[in-house]
C-alpha atoms as a PDB file:
ATOM      1  CA  UNK A   1     -73.302   9.541  32.866  1.00  0.00           C
ATOM      2  CA  UNK A   2     -71.040   6.658  31.775  1.00  0.00           C
ATOM      3  CA  UNK A   3     -70.017   4.324  34.562  1.00  0.00           C
ATOM      4  CA  UNK A   4     -66.788   5.202  36.353  1.00  0.00           C
ATOM      5  CA  UNK A   5     -63.765   3.264  35.250  1.00  0.00           C
ATOM      6  CA  UNK A   6     -65.039   2.772  31.713  1.00  0.00           C
ATOM      7  CA  UNK A   7     -62.046   4.504  30.118  1.00  0.00           C
ATOM      8  CA  UNK A   8     -59.647   2.523  32.277  1.00  0.00           C
ATOM      9  CA  UNK A   9     -61.110  -0.761  31.032  1.00  0.00           C
ATOM     10  CA  UNK A  10     -60.863   0.409  27.455  1.00  0.00           C
ATOM     11  CA  UNK A  11     -57.231   1.480  27.858  1.00  0.00           C
ATOM     12  CA  UNK A  12     -56.426  -1.830  29.549  1.00  0.00           C
ATOM     13  CA  UNK A  13     -57.981  -3.700  26.634  1.00  0.00           C
ATOM     14  CA  UNK A  14     -55.951  -1.710  24.126  1.00  0.00           C
ATOM     15  CA  UNK A  15     -52.726  -2.316  26.051  1.00  0.00           C
ATOM     16  CA  UNK A  16     -53.421  -6.043  26.229  1.00  0.00           C
ATOM     17  CA  UNK A  17     -54.159  -6.155  22.514  1.00  0.00           C
ATOM     18  CA  UNK A  18     -50.935  -4.307  21.728  1.00  0.00           C
ATOM     19  CA  UNK A  19     -49.001  -6.682  23.974  1.00  0.00           C
ATOM     20  CA  UNK A  20     -50.460  -9.722  22.229  1.00  0.00           C
ATOM     21  CA  UNK A  21     -49.636  -8.228  18.839  1.00  0.00           C
ATOM     22  CA  UNK A  22     -46.028  -7.602  19.921  1.00  0.00           C
ATOM     23  CA  UNK A  23     -45.709 -11.190  21.170  1.00  0.00           C
ATOM     24  CA  UNK A  24     -47.121 -12.479  17.912  1.00  0.00           C
ATOM     25  CA  UNK A  25     -44.642 -10.426  15.863  1.00  0.00           C
ATOM     26  CA  UNK A  26     -41.744 -11.526  18.065  1.00  0.00           C
ATOM     27  CA  UNK A  27     -42.731 -15.176  17.661  1.00  0.00           C
ATOM     28  CA  UNK A  28     -42.972 -14.787  13.883  1.00  0.00           C
ATOM     29  CA  UNK A  29     -39.538 -13.126  13.747  1.00  0.00           C
ATOM     30  CA  UNK A  30     -38.014 -15.861  15.918  1.00  0.00           C
ATOM     31  CA  UNK A  31     -39.497 -18.526  13.655  1.00  0.00           C
ATOM     32  CA  UNK A  32     -38.119 -16.785  10.565  1.00  0.00           C
ATOM     33  CA  UNK A  33     -34.657 -16.570  12.151  1.00  0.00           C
ATOM     34  CA  UNK A  34     -34.861 -20.254  13.119  1.00  0.00           C
ATOM     35  CA  UNK A  35     -35.709 -21.286   9.575  1.00  0.00           C
ATOM     36  CA  UNK A  36     -32.852 -19.225   8.140  1.00  0.00           C
ATOM     37  CA  UNK A  37     -30.400 -20.726  10.630  1.00  0.00           C
ATOM     38  CA  UNK A  38     -31.679 -24.202   9.786  1.00  0.00           C
ATOM     39  CA  UNK A  39     -31.138 -23.587   6.078  1.00  0.00           C
ATOM     40  CA  UNK A  40     -27.579 -22.459   6.747  1.00  0.00           C
ATOM     41  CA  UNK A  41     -26.798 -25.574   8.779  1.00  0.00           C
ATOM     42  CA  UNK A  42     -28.033 -28.043   6.136  1.00  0.00           C
ATOM     43  CA  UNK A  43     -25.397 -29.999   4.300  1.00  0.00           C
ATOM     44  CA  UNK A  44     -22.735 -29.434   6.983  1.00  0.00           C
ATOM     45  CA  UNK A  45     -21.212 -32.887   6.660  1.00  0.00           C
ATOM     46  CA  UNK A  46     -20.633 -32.571   2.929  1.00  0.00           C
ATOM     47  CA  UNK A  47     -19.025 -29.165   3.431  1.00  0.00           C
ATOM     48  CA  UNK A  48     -16.777 -30.543   6.153  1.00  0.00           C
ATOM     49  CA  UNK A  49     -15.545 -33.290   3.820  1.00  0.00           C
ATOM     50  CA  UNK A  50     -14.661 -30.638   1.254  1.00  0.00           C
ATOM     51  CA  UNK A  51     -12.855 -28.551   3.870  1.00  0.00           C
ATOM     52  CA  UNK A  52     -10.933 -31.611   5.068  1.00  0.00           C
ATOM     53  CA  UNK A  53      -9.834 -32.278   1.507  1.00  0.00           C
ATOM     54  CA  UNK A  54      -8.582 -28.696   1.156  1.00  0.00           C
ATOM     55  CA  UNK A  55      -6.692 -28.918   4.451  1.00  0.00           C
ATOM     56  CA  UNK A  56      -5.018 -32.141   3.285  1.00  0.00           C
ATOM     57  CA  UNK A  57      -3.980 -30.421   0.047  1.00  0.00           C
ATOM     58  CA  UNK A  58      -2.400 -27.537   1.962  1.00  0.00           C
ATOM     59  CA  UNK A  59      -0.623 -29.927   4.321  1.00  0.00           C
ATOM     60  CA  UNK A  60       0.738 -31.874   1.357  1.00  0.00           C
ATOM     61  CA  UNK A  61       2.113 -28.688  -0.207  1.00  0.00           C
ATOM     62  CA  UNK A  62       3.771 -27.728   3.067  1.00  0.00           C
ATOM     63  CA  UNK A  63       5.287 -31.209   3.349  1.00  0.00           C
ATOM     64  CA  UNK A  64       6.703 -31.015  -0.180  1.00  0.00           C
ATOM     65  CA  UNK A  65       8.117 -27.579   0.589  1.00  0.00           C
ATOM     66  CA  UNK A  66       9.904 -28.875   3.687  1.00  0.00           C
ATOM     67  CA  UNK A  67      11.290 -31.865   1.771  1.00  0.00           C
ATOM     68  CA  UNK A  68      12.630 -29.529  -0.909  1.00  0.00           C
ATOM     69  CA  UNK A  69      14.362 -27.411   1.727  1.00  0.00           C
ATOM     70  CA  UNK A  70      15.976 -30.419   3.376  1.00  0.00           C
ATOM     71  CA  UNK A  71      17.148 -31.730   0.010  1.00  0.00           C
ATOM     72  CA  UNK A  72      18.685 -28.373  -0.863  1.00  0.00           C
ATOM     73  CA  UNK A  73      20.554 -28.252   2.465  1.00  0.00           C
ATOM     74  CA  UNK A  74      21.810 -31.811   2.053  1.00  0.00           C
ATOM     75  CA  UNK A  75      23.079 -31.202  -1.490  1.00  0.00           C
ATOM     76  CA  UNK A  76      24.789 -27.986  -0.439  1.00  0.00           C
ATOM     77  CA  UNK A  77      26.507 -29.810   2.446  1.00  0.00           C
ATOM     78  CA  UNK A  78      27.729 -32.644   0.200  1.00  0.00           C
ATOM     79  CA  UNK A  79      28.988 -30.199  -2.424  1.00  0.00           C
ATOM     80  CA  UNK A  80      31.020 -28.312   0.210  1.00  0.00           C
ATOM     81  CA  UNK A  81      32.677 -31.518   1.440  1.00  0.00           C
ATOM     82  CA  UNK A  82      33.702 -32.909  -1.951  1.00  0.00           C
ATOM     83  CA  UNK A  83      34.899 -29.610  -3.401  1.00  0.00           C
ATOM     84  CA  UNK A  84      38.702 -29.608  -3.758  1.00  0.00           C
ATOM     85  CA  UNK A  85      41.298 -27.218  -5.135  1.00  0.00           C
ATOM     86  CA  UNK A  86      42.153 -27.827  -8.857  1.00  0.00           C
ATOM     87  CA  UNK A  87      45.472 -29.568  -9.591  1.00  0.00           C
ATOM     88  CA  UNK A  88      48.349 -27.562 -11.014  1.00  0.00           C
ATOM     89  CA  UNK A  89      48.210 -27.417 -14.806  1.00  0.00           C
ATOM     90  CA  UNK A  90      44.688 -28.737 -14.974  1.00  0.00           C
ATOM     91  CA  UNK A  91      42.309 -27.025 -17.371  1.00  0.00           C
ATOM     92  CA  UNK A  92      39.868 -24.718 -15.735  1.00  0.00           C
ATOM     93  CA  UNK A  93      36.449 -26.277 -15.898  1.00  0.00           C
ATOM     94  CA  UNK A  94      33.720 -24.342 -17.636  1.00  0.00           C
ATOM     95  CA  UNK A  95      31.316 -22.669 -15.211  1.00  0.00           C
ATOM     96  CA  UNK A  96      28.456 -25.001 -14.464  1.00  0.00           C
ATOM     97  CA  UNK A  97      24.840 -24.008 -14.566  1.00  0.00           C
ATOM     98  CA  UNK A  98      23.566 -23.439 -11.077  1.00  0.00           C
ATOM     99  CA  UNK A  99      20.714 -25.733 -10.103  1.00  0.00           C
ATOM    100  CA  UNK A 100      17.518 -23.964  -9.252  1.00  0.00           C
ATOM    101  CA  UNK A 101      16.314 -24.337  -5.690  1.00  0.00           C
ATOM    102  CA  UNK A 102      13.160 -22.519  -4.626  1.00  0.00           C
ATOM    103  CA  UNK A 103      13.714 -20.273  -1.644  1.00  0.00           C
ATOM    104  CA  UNK A 104      10.092 -20.597  -0.619  1.00  0.00           C
ATOM    105  CA  UNK A 105      10.467 -23.859   1.377  1.00  0.00           C
ATOM    106  CA  UNK A 106      13.397 -22.401   3.296  1.00  0.00           C
ATOM    107  CA  UNK A 107      11.350 -19.378   4.197  1.00  0.00           C
ATOM    108  CA  UNK A 108       8.696 -21.615   5.695  1.00  0.00           C
ATOM    109  CA  UNK A 109      11.219 -23.599   7.745  1.00  0.00           C
ATOM    110  CA  UNK A 110      12.835 -20.393   8.976  1.00  0.00           C
ATOM    111  CA  UNK A 111       9.638 -19.450  10.730  1.00  0.00           C
ATOM    112  CA  UNK A 112       8.059 -17.160   8.186  1.00  0.00           C
ATOM    113  CA  UNK A 113       5.174 -19.560   7.727  1.00  0.00           C
ATOM    114  CA  UNK A 114       3.091 -19.805   4.610  1.00  0.00           C
ATOM    115  CA  UNK A 115       2.238 -16.141   4.987  1.00  0.00           C
ATOM    116  CA  UNK A 116       5.606 -14.868   3.720  1.00  0.00           C
ATOM    117  CA  UNK A 117       7.382 -16.931   1.077  1.00  0.00           C
ATOM    118  CA  UNK A 118      10.144 -15.952  -1.320  1.00  0.00           C
ATOM    119  CA  UNK A 119      11.543 -17.920  -4.236  1.00  0.00           C
ATOM    120  CA  UNK A 120      14.614 -17.337  -6.394  1.00  0.00           C
ATOM    121  CA  UNK A 121      14.514 -17.857 -10.156  1.00  0.00           C
ATOM    122  CA  UNK A 122      17.140 -19.681 -12.263  1.00  0.00           C
ATOM    123  CA  UNK A 123      20.654 -18.208 -12.521  1.00  0.00           C
ATOM    124  CA  UNK A 124      22.532 -18.934 -15.720  1.00  0.00           C
ATOM    125  CA  UNK A 125      26.274 -18.362 -15.864  1.00  0.00           C
ATOM    126  CA  UNK A 126      27.535 -17.126 -19.214  1.00  0.00           C
ATOM    127  CA  UNK A 127      31.263 -16.312 -19.510  1.00  0.00           C
ATOM    128  CA  UNK A 128      31.483 -15.986 -15.745  1.00  0.00           C
ATOM    129  CA  UNK A 129      28.826 -13.254 -15.528  1.00  0.00           C
ATOM    130  CA  UNK A 130      25.605 -14.287 -13.770  1.00  0.00           C
ATOM    131  CA  UNK A 131      22.366 -13.136 -15.293  1.00  0.00           C
ATOM    132  CA  UNK A 132      19.839 -11.100 -13.369  1.00  0.00           C
ATOM    133  CA  UNK A 133      18.173 -13.087 -10.614  1.00  0.00           C
ATOM    134  CA  UNK A 134      14.395 -13.045 -10.550  1.00  0.00           C
ATOM    135  CA  UNK A 135      12.787 -13.302  -7.131  1.00  0.00           C
ATOM    136  CA  UNK A 136       9.235 -13.744  -5.994  1.00  0.00           C
ATOM    137  CA  UNK A 137       7.431 -12.787  -2.813  1.00  0.00           C
ATOM    138  CA  UNK A 138       4.058 -14.013  -1.587  1.00  0.00           C
ATOM    139  CA  UNK A 139       2.196 -12.692   1.431  1.00  0.00           C
ATOM    140  CA  UNK A 140      -0.870 -14.416   2.776  1.00  0.00           C
ATOM    141  CA  UNK A 141      -1.739 -18.100   2.817  1.00  0.00           C
ATOM    142  CA  UNK A 142      -3.380 -18.149  -0.612  1.00  0.00           C
ATOM    143  CA  UNK A 143      -0.522 -16.394  -2.445  1.00  0.00           C
ATOM    144  CA  UNK A 144       2.031 -18.550  -0.626  1.00  0.00           C
ATOM    145  CA  UNK A 145       0.305 -21.759  -1.695  1.00  0.00           C
ATOM    146  CA  UNK A 146       0.038 -20.474  -5.274  1.00  0.00           C
ATOM    147  CA  UNK A 147       3.769 -19.751  -5.336  1.00  0.00           C
ATOM    148  CA  UNK A 148       4.737 -23.090  -3.804  1.00  0.00           C
ATOM    149  CA  UNK A 149       2.568 -24.907  -6.317  1.00  0.00           C
ATOM    150  CA  UNK A 150       4.288 -23.097  -9.198  1.00  0.00           C
ATOM    151  CA  UNK A 151       7.925 -23.443  -8.037  1.00  0.00           C
ATOM    152  CA  UNK A 152       7.438 -27.097  -7.076  1.00  0.00           C
ATOM    153  CA  UNK A 153       5.414 -28.014 -10.158  1.00  0.00           C
ATOM    154  CA  UNK A 154       6.815 -30.710 -12.407  1.00  0.00           C
ATOM    155  CA  UNK A 155       6.788 -29.364 -15.943  1.00  0.00           C
ATOM    156  CA  UNK A 156       7.539 -32.586 -17.824  1.00  0.00           C
ATOM    157  CA  UNK A 157       5.020 -33.645 -20.442  1.00  0.00           C
ATOM    158  CA  UNK A 158       3.458 -36.434 -18.378  1.00  0.00           C
ATOM    159  CA  UNK A 159       2.971 -34.306 -15.249  1.00  0.00           C
ATOM    160  CA  UNK A 160       1.507 -31.378 -17.170  1.00  0.00           C
ATOM    161  CA  UNK A 161      -0.872 -33.662 -19.026  1.00  0.00           C
ATOM    162  CA  UNK A 162      -2.052 -35.249 -15.772  1.00  0.00           C
ATOM    163  CA  UNK A 163      -2.717 -31.888 -14.102  1.00  0.00           C
ATOM    164  CA  UNK A 164      -4.348 -30.460 -17.218  1.00  0.00           C
ATOM    165  CA  UNK A 165      -6.807 -33.354 -17.278  1.00  0.00           C
ATOM    166  CA  UNK A 166      -8.025 -32.339 -13.793  1.00  0.00           C
ATOM    167  CA  UNK A 167      -8.813 -28.723 -14.692  1.00  0.00           C
ATOM    168  CA  UNK A 168     -12.286 -27.526 -13.765  1.00  0.00           C
ATOM    169  CA  UNK A 169     -14.732 -27.753 -16.682  1.00  0.00           C
ATOM    170  CA  UNK A 170     -17.962 -26.923 -14.854  1.00  0.00           C
ATOM    171  CA  UNK A 171     -17.268 -24.309 -12.151  1.00  0.00           C
ATOM    172  CA  UNK A 172     -20.950 -23.381 -12.064  1.00  0.00           C
ATOM    173  CA  UNK A 173     -21.729 -26.820 -10.621  1.00  0.00           C
ATOM    174  CA  UNK A 174     -19.401 -26.339  -7.639  1.00  0.00           C
ATOM    175  CA  UNK A 175     -19.837 -22.655  -6.876  1.00  0.00           C
ATOM    176  CA  UNK A 176     -22.861 -23.141  -4.587  1.00  0.00           C
ATOM    177  CA  UNK A 177     -21.219 -25.830  -2.473  1.00  0.00           C
ATOM    178  CA  UNK A 178     -17.931 -23.913  -2.367  1.00  0.00           C
ATOM    179  CA  UNK A 179     -19.721 -20.784  -1.135  1.00  0.00           C
ATOM    180  CA  UNK A 180     -21.615 -22.726   1.529  1.00  0.00           C
ATOM    181  CA  UNK A 181     -18.332 -24.111   2.867  1.00  0.00           C
ATOM    182  CA  UNK A 182     -16.753 -20.645   2.738  1.00  0.00           C
ATOM    183  CA  UNK A 183     -19.755 -19.064   4.480  1.00  0.00           C
ATOM    184  CA  UNK A 184     -19.859 -21.658   7.250  1.00  0.00           C
ATOM    185  CA  UNK A 185     -16.166 -21.078   8.005  1.00  0.00           C
ATOM    186  CA  UNK A 186     -16.189 -17.269   7.755  1.00  0.00           C
ATOM    187  CA  UNK A 187     -19.549 -16.518   9.422  1.00  0.00           C
ATOM    188  CA  UNK A 188     -18.204 -16.470  13.019  1.00  0.00           C
ATOM    189  CA  UNK A 189     -15.488 -14.040  11.964  1.00  0.00           C
ATOM    190  CA  UNK A 190     -18.020 -11.823  10.176  1.00  0.00           C
ATOM    191  CA  UNK A 191     -20.291 -11.806  13.250  1.00  0.00           C
ATOM    192  CA  UNK A 192     -17.352 -10.719  15.424  1.00  0.00           C
ATOM    193  CA  UNK A 193     -16.252  -7.966  13.036  1.00  0.00           C
ATOM    194  CA  UNK A 194     -19.764  -6.720  12.190  1.00  0.00           C
ATOM    195  CA  UNK A 195     -22.051  -7.429  15.170  1.00  0.00           C
ATOM    196  CA  UNK A 196     -25.760  -6.737  15.010  1.00  0.00           C
ATOM    197  CA  UNK A 197     -26.402  -7.502  11.328  1.00  0.00           C
ATOM    198  CA  UNK A 198     -29.243  -9.687  10.081  1.00  0.00           C
ATOM    199  CA  UNK A 199     -28.493 -13.106   8.597  1.00  0.00           C
ATOM    200  CA  UNK A 200     -29.217 -11.887   5.069  1.00  0.00           C
ATOM    201  CA  UNK A 201     -26.774  -9.009   5.541  1.00  0.00           C
ATOM    202  CA  UNK A 202     -24.058 -11.442   6.630  1.00  0.00           C
ATOM    203  CA  UNK A 203     -24.910 -13.568   3.613  1.00  0.00           C
ATOM    204  CA  UNK A 204     -24.499 -10.600   1.246  1.00  0.00           C
ATOM    205  CA  UNK A 205     -21.231  -9.541   2.890  1.00  0.00           C
ATOM    206  CA  UNK A 206     -19.684 -13.011   2.636  1.00  0.00           C
ATOM    207  CA  UNK A 207     -20.886 -13.447  -0.955  1.00  0.00           C
ATOM    208  CA  UNK A 208     -19.115 -10.208  -1.910  1.00  0.00           C
ATOM    209  CA  UNK A 209     -15.894 -11.446  -0.278  1.00  0.00           C
ATOM    210  CA  UNK A 210     -16.269 -14.839  -1.961  1.00  0.00           C
ATOM    211  CA  UNK A 211     -16.153 -13.228  -5.404  1.00  0.00           C
ATOM    212  CA  UNK A 212     -12.437 -12.511  -4.890  1.00  0.00           C
ATOM    213  CA  UNK A 213     -11.591 -15.692  -2.979  1.00  0.00           C
ATOM    214  CA  UNK A 214      -9.399 -18.391  -4.602  1.00  0.00           C
ATOM    215  CA  UNK A 215     -11.938 -20.883  -3.233  1.00  0.00           C
ATOM    216  CA  UNK A 216     -14.429 -19.598  -5.808  1.00  0.00           C
ATOM    217  CA  UNK A 217     -14.324 -22.129  -8.678  1.00  0.00           C
ATOM    218  CA  UNK A 218     -14.630 -19.256 -11.154  1.00  0.00           C
ATOM    219  CA  UNK A 219     -11.313 -17.843  -9.828  1.00  0.00           C
ATOM    220  CA  UNK A 220      -9.536 -21.136 -10.453  1.00  0.00           C
ATOM    221  CA  UNK A 221      -8.078 -22.387 -13.714  1.00  0.00           C
ATOM    222  CA  UNK A 222     -11.039 -23.441 -15.844  1.00  0.00           C
ATOM    223  CA  UNK A 223     -11.589 -24.629 -19.391  1.00  0.00           C
ATOM    224  CA  UNK A 224     -14.680 -25.222 -21.474  1.00  0.00           C
ATOM    225  CA  UNK A 225     -16.325 -28.627 -21.147  1.00  0.00           C
ATOM    226  CA  UNK A 226     -15.253 -29.611 -24.684  1.00  0.00           C
ATOM    227  CA  UNK A 227     -11.662 -28.272 -24.464  1.00  0.00           C
ATOM    228  CA  UNK A 228      -9.026 -30.362 -26.202  1.00  0.00           C
ATOM    229  CA  UNK A 229      -5.957 -31.761 -24.422  1.00  0.00           C
ATOM    230  CA  UNK A 230      -3.779 -29.060 -25.988  1.00  0.00           C
ATOM    231  CA  UNK A 231      -6.145 -26.330 -24.790  1.00  0.00           C
ATOM    232  CA  UNK A 232      -6.126 -27.701 -21.238  1.00  0.00           C
ATOM    233  CA  UNK A 233      -2.309 -27.855 -21.214  1.00  0.00           C
ATOM    234  CA  UNK A 234      -2.111 -24.293 -22.528  1.00  0.00           C
ATOM    235  CA  UNK A 235      -4.554 -23.088 -19.852  1.00  0.00           C
ATOM    236  CA  UNK A 236      -2.437 -24.690 -17.115  1.00  0.00           C
ATOM    237  CA  UNK A 237       0.789 -23.121 -18.419  1.00  0.00           C
ATOM    238  CA  UNK A 238      -0.930 -19.749 -18.687  1.00  0.00           C
ATOM    239  CA  UNK A 239      -2.114 -20.004 -15.071  1.00  0.00           C
ATOM    240  CA  UNK A 240       1.413 -20.752 -13.848  1.00  0.00           C
ATOM    241  CA  UNK A 241       2.792 -17.830 -15.848  1.00  0.00           C
ATOM    242  CA  UNK A 242       0.150 -15.471 -14.425  1.00  0.00           C
ATOM    243  CA  UNK A 243       0.969 -16.504 -10.846  1.00  0.00           C
ATOM    244  CA  UNK A 244       4.707 -16.047 -11.444  1.00  0.00           C
ATOM    245  CA  UNK A 245       4.148 -12.627 -12.998  1.00  0.00           C
ATOM    246  CA  UNK A 246       1.805 -11.540 -10.204  1.00  0.00           C
ATOM    247  CA  UNK A 247       4.217 -12.536  -7.422  1.00  0.00           C
ATOM    248  CA  UNK A 248       7.413 -11.446  -9.142  1.00  0.00           C
ATOM    249  CA  UNK A 249       9.331  -8.786  -7.226  1.00  0.00           C
ATOM    250  CA  UNK A 250       9.818  -5.594  -9.176  1.00  0.00           C
ATOM    251  CA  UNK A 251      13.417  -4.439  -9.391  1.00  0.00           C
ATOM    252  CA  UNK A 252      13.993  -1.171  -7.599  1.00  0.00           C
END
């Protein structure tokens, strides 16, 4: 007969072996997670510099918008004070062309924020009958900034040439860094909205969102590396026209 307790020792040995195997697997998984987290955290300082630059750009646009609103209010106030009734027998002055003032800055100052901006297009007066007014509406921070950039853009030859010279010629060189900055900023939000996913799943989710983000260099105005000055200027004008068309309110 086999000695008593033999089966118990064997079962105990199996349980201990299984426990050690589970610990080993858990340690390997923890190490893999640590390495992935470490890879995600690399290059944080460079990404932060890029984010700071973007924040400064947005702040500058908001500042220009507020200045435009204040200027419009000041000019309207001065015009109301100096306006006087025409003298008897004086010739009626021809209707003057109304100066264009973007409504977007006013919307920001009124409390709508950059999330809801409207802008009015030019109004020409011809024989006393105003032409149809074009208006634009932007919802969301990205659309609002696009609209402000268009309505506040200087379209003289020198300004257009300067902006055209800065157009992106190699978006493929910046897309990796841009995505890393986007991922670092959006990861906490993704974890809150989709708890329990693995790091690679969060990575795939954020990459899919990044494809439609204006932060993606491929979604920005780009030209080929050997584009001529005329081609860069044309690309910039086309971008402005596309933004205006996209945010233009449709008449009911």
